[in-house]
Amino acid sequence: MASRAPVLTLAAFAVLALSACSTTAGAEEAPSGTGGMIEMAISESCIEGSDSQCVSINGTSVVLPTSFEEAGIKDSSVAEDGQNMVDVTFNDEGTKVFQRLTKEAADAGVSVRLVIRIGGELQASVLVLDAMTGDQAQLGFSSEVNAQEMLEQIQAGS
């Protein structure tokens, strides 16, 4: 996917805010696939240990969301730039969920996070500074997380 895509960083120790990032097509094609799903929710940040529902996700504490929304993926691939990232293009319904939740999170301020779950596991708690308007995102993982395994979980839709 050679286009501007927002970056959702899913680092093991620090989750960075959403920002724009440009990817460029390389000579080699990265493994790619179609379909899949990630889950997203909006949650308030909290102080670790302040509540039984306060959980830490990669070093950021949030109130555990009671429900998640499915964001359907039309296409996904391991990023071509050699980084530990997965490029995703949301389907029509997934785009609506992605755009609405990022707008909600951005409008709510710095105490609210976009929580992302892949394969049933909480992967990120992201501070959203601006609402996303496109249908593409780039999910960046720490070196401890295997991008190919995350791609497979996204494509499995579990």
Protein backbone atom coordinates (compact mmCIF):
# COMPACT_ATOMS: atom_id res chain seq x y z
CA MET A 1 0.00 0.00 0.00
CA ALA A 2 1.90 3.04 -1.19
CA SER A 3 -0.10 5.89 0.35
CA ARG A 4 -0.35 8.12 3.39
CA ALA A 5 -1.65 6.10 6.31
CA PRO A 6 -2.11 6.95 9.98
CA VAL A 7 0.17 5.06 12.32
CA LEU A 8 -1.16 3.26 15.37
CA THR A 9 1.88 2.29 17.40
CA LEU A 10 1.44 -0.85 19.47
CA ALA A 11 4.73 -0.84 21.36
CA ALA A 12 5.32 -3.12 24.32
CA PHE A 13 6.37 -0.28 26.63
CA ALA A 14 5.10 2.93 25.05
CA VAL A 15 2.16 3.65 22.84
CA LEU A 16 2.57 6.75 20.73
CA ALA A 17 -0.20 9.03 19.54
CA LEU A 18 -1.74 8.59 16.10
CA SER A 19 0.18 10.48 13.45
CA ALA A 20 0.53 10.50 9.68
CA CYS A 21 3.25 8.44 8.07
CA SER A 22 4.20 7.86 4.48
CA THR A 23 5.04 4.43 3.18
CA THR A 24 6.72 3.70 -0.09
CA ALA A 25 6.53 0.57 -2.18
CA GLY A 26 9.70 -1.48 -2.18
CA ALA A 27 11.09 -3.81 -4.78
CA GLU A 28 9.89 -6.85 -2.82
CA GLU A 29 6.25 -7.47 -2.11
CA ALA A 30 5.40 -8.08 1.54
CA PRO A 31 3.07 -10.95 2.40
CA SER A 32 -0.48 -9.73 1.87
CA GLY A 33 -4.02 -10.92 2.34
CA THR A 34 -7.60 -9.84 2.39
CA GLY A 35 -10.31 -9.65 4.97
CA GLY A 36 -10.11 -9.75 8.69
CA MET A 37 -11.00 -7.65 11.70
CA ILE A 38 -9.68 -5.73 14.66
CA GLU A 39 -11.69 -4.56 17.63
CA MET A 40 -11.74 -1.03 19.04
CA ALA A 41 -13.27 0.78 21.99
CA ILE A 42 -13.00 4.14 23.73
CA SER A 43 -11.91 4.20 27.36
CA GLU A 44 -10.94 6.62 30.10
CA SER A 45 -7.41 6.55 31.44
CA CYS A 46 -7.05 5.66 35.13
CA ILE A 47 -4.46 5.37 37.85
CA GLU A 48 -3.13 1.83 38.15
CA GLY A 49 -4.60 0.08 41.20
CA SER A 50 -7.36 2.67 41.66
CA ASP A 51 -10.11 0.34 40.47
CA SER A 52 -10.46 -3.37 39.77
CA GLN A 53 -11.39 -2.49 36.15
CA CYS A 54 -8.23 -0.39 35.67
CA VAL A 55 -5.85 -2.38 33.47
CA SER A 56 -2.42 -1.62 32.08
CA ILE A 57 -1.94 -1.95 28.33
CA ASN A 58 1.69 -1.51 27.34
CA GLY A 59 2.31 0.83 30.26
CA THR A 60 -0.86 2.92 29.90
CA SER A 61 -3.66 2.35 32.41
CA VAL A 62 -7.27 2.49 31.22
CA VAL A 63 -10.64 1.38 32.48
CA LEU A 64 -11.32 -1.98 30.81
CA PRO A 65 -13.94 -1.35 28.12
CA THR A 66 -17.17 -3.29 28.62
CA SER A 67 -17.65 -3.73 24.88
CA PHE A 68 -15.66 -3.44 21.67
CA GLU A 69 -16.73 -2.64 18.14
CA GLU A 70 -15.53 -4.71 15.22
CA ALA A 71 -13.71 -2.81 12.49
CA GLY A 72 -13.69 -4.92 9.35
CA ILE A 73 -10.52 -5.05 7.27
CA LYS A 74 -10.66 -5.18 3.48
CA ASP A 75 -6.93 -5.74 2.97
CA SER A 76 -3.85 -6.12 5.15
CA SER A 77 -0.16 -6.81 4.73
CA VAL A 78 3.12 -6.69 6.59
CA ALA A 79 4.61 -3.26 5.87
CA GLU A 80 7.10 -3.18 3.02
CA ASP A 81 9.54 -0.79 4.70
CA GLY A 82 11.15 -3.48 6.84
CA GLN A 83 9.68 -2.12 10.06
CA ASN A 84 7.62 -4.25 12.41
CA MET A 85 4.29 -2.94 11.11
CA VAL A 86 1.05 -4.10 9.49
CA ASP A 87 -0.75 -1.97 6.90
CA VAL A 88 -4.53 -2.23 6.99
CA THR A 89 -7.28 -0.91 4.74
CA PHE A 90 -10.67 -0.94 6.41
CA ASN A 91 -13.79 -2.08 4.57
CA ASP A 92 -16.71 0.39 4.35
CA GLU A 93 -18.17 -0.49 7.75
CA GLY A 94 -14.73 -0.73 9.36
CA THR A 95 -13.88 2.74 8.00
CA LYS A 96 -17.00 4.16 9.65
CA VAL A 97 -16.08 2.57 13.00
CA PHE A 98 -12.43 3.71 12.74
CA GLN A 99 -13.34 7.29 11.81
CA ARG A 100 -16.11 7.62 14.41
CA LEU A 101 -14.06 6.21 17.30
CA THR A 102 -10.96 8.27 16.48
CA LYS A 103 -13.16 11.40 16.31
CA GLU A 104 -14.79 10.50 19.64
CA ALA A 105 -11.41 9.93 21.27
CA ALA A 106 -9.86 13.12 19.85
CA ASP A 107 -12.87 15.22 20.86
CA ALA A 108 -12.87 13.80 24.40
CA GLY A 109 -9.34 15.02 25.19
CA VAL A 110 -6.18 13.60 26.66
CA SER A 111 -7.86 11.49 29.34
CA VAL A 112 -9.47 9.20 26.75
CA ARG A 113 -7.78 6.41 24.78
CA LEU A 114 -8.62 4.29 21.75
CA VAL A 115 -8.18 0.70 22.90
CA ILE A 116 -7.32 -1.90 20.26
CA ARG A 117 -7.80 -5.64 20.61
CA ILE A 118 -6.41 -8.17 18.11
CA GLY A 119 -6.97 -11.90 18.43
CA GLY A 120 -8.80 -11.42 21.72
CA GLU A 121 -5.78 -9.74 23.32
CA LEU A 122 -5.51 -6.07 24.29
CA GLN A 123 -2.73 -4.67 22.10
CA ALA A 124 -2.81 -0.90 22.53
CA SER A 125 -4.18 2.09 24.32
CA VAL A 126 -3.65 5.01 21.96
CA LEU A 127 -3.93 8.74 22.62
CA VAL A 128 -5.73 10.14 19.56
CA LEU A 129 -4.87 13.75 18.82
CA ASP A 130 -6.83 14.13 15.58
CA ALA A 131 -9.74 12.22 14.07
CA MET A 132 -8.74 9.97 11.18
CA THR A 133 -10.47 10.62 7.87
CA GLY A 134 -9.18 7.89 5.57
CA ASP A 135 -9.62 4.14 5.38
CA GLN A 136 -6.00 3.12 5.97
CA ALA A 137 -3.85 2.76 9.06
CA GLN A 138 -0.47 1.35 9.88
CA LEU A 139 -0.19 -0.70 13.07
CA GLY A 140 3.33 -0.57 14.47
CA PHE A 141 4.51 -3.18 16.95
CA SER A 142 7.47 -3.39 19.32
CA SER A 143 10.29 -5.74 18.44
CA GLU A 144 8.86 -8.30 20.91
CA VAL A 145 5.70 -8.68 18.79
CA ASN A 146 5.83 -10.49 15.46
CA ALA A 147 4.09 -8.47 12.72
CA GLN A 148 3.42 -11.59 10.64
CA GLU A 149 1.64 -13.24 13.60
CA MET A 150 -0.43 -10.07 14.16
CA LEU A 151 -1.30 -10.05 10.44
CA GLU A 152 -2.49 -13.65 10.69
CA GLN A 153 -4.64 -12.82 13.74
CA ILE A 154 -6.14 -9.80 11.97
CA GLN A 155 -6.92 -11.89 8.88
CA ALA A 156 -8.42 -14.66 11.01
CA GLY A 157 -10.74 -12.05 12.47
CA SER A 158 -10.38 -13.48 15.94
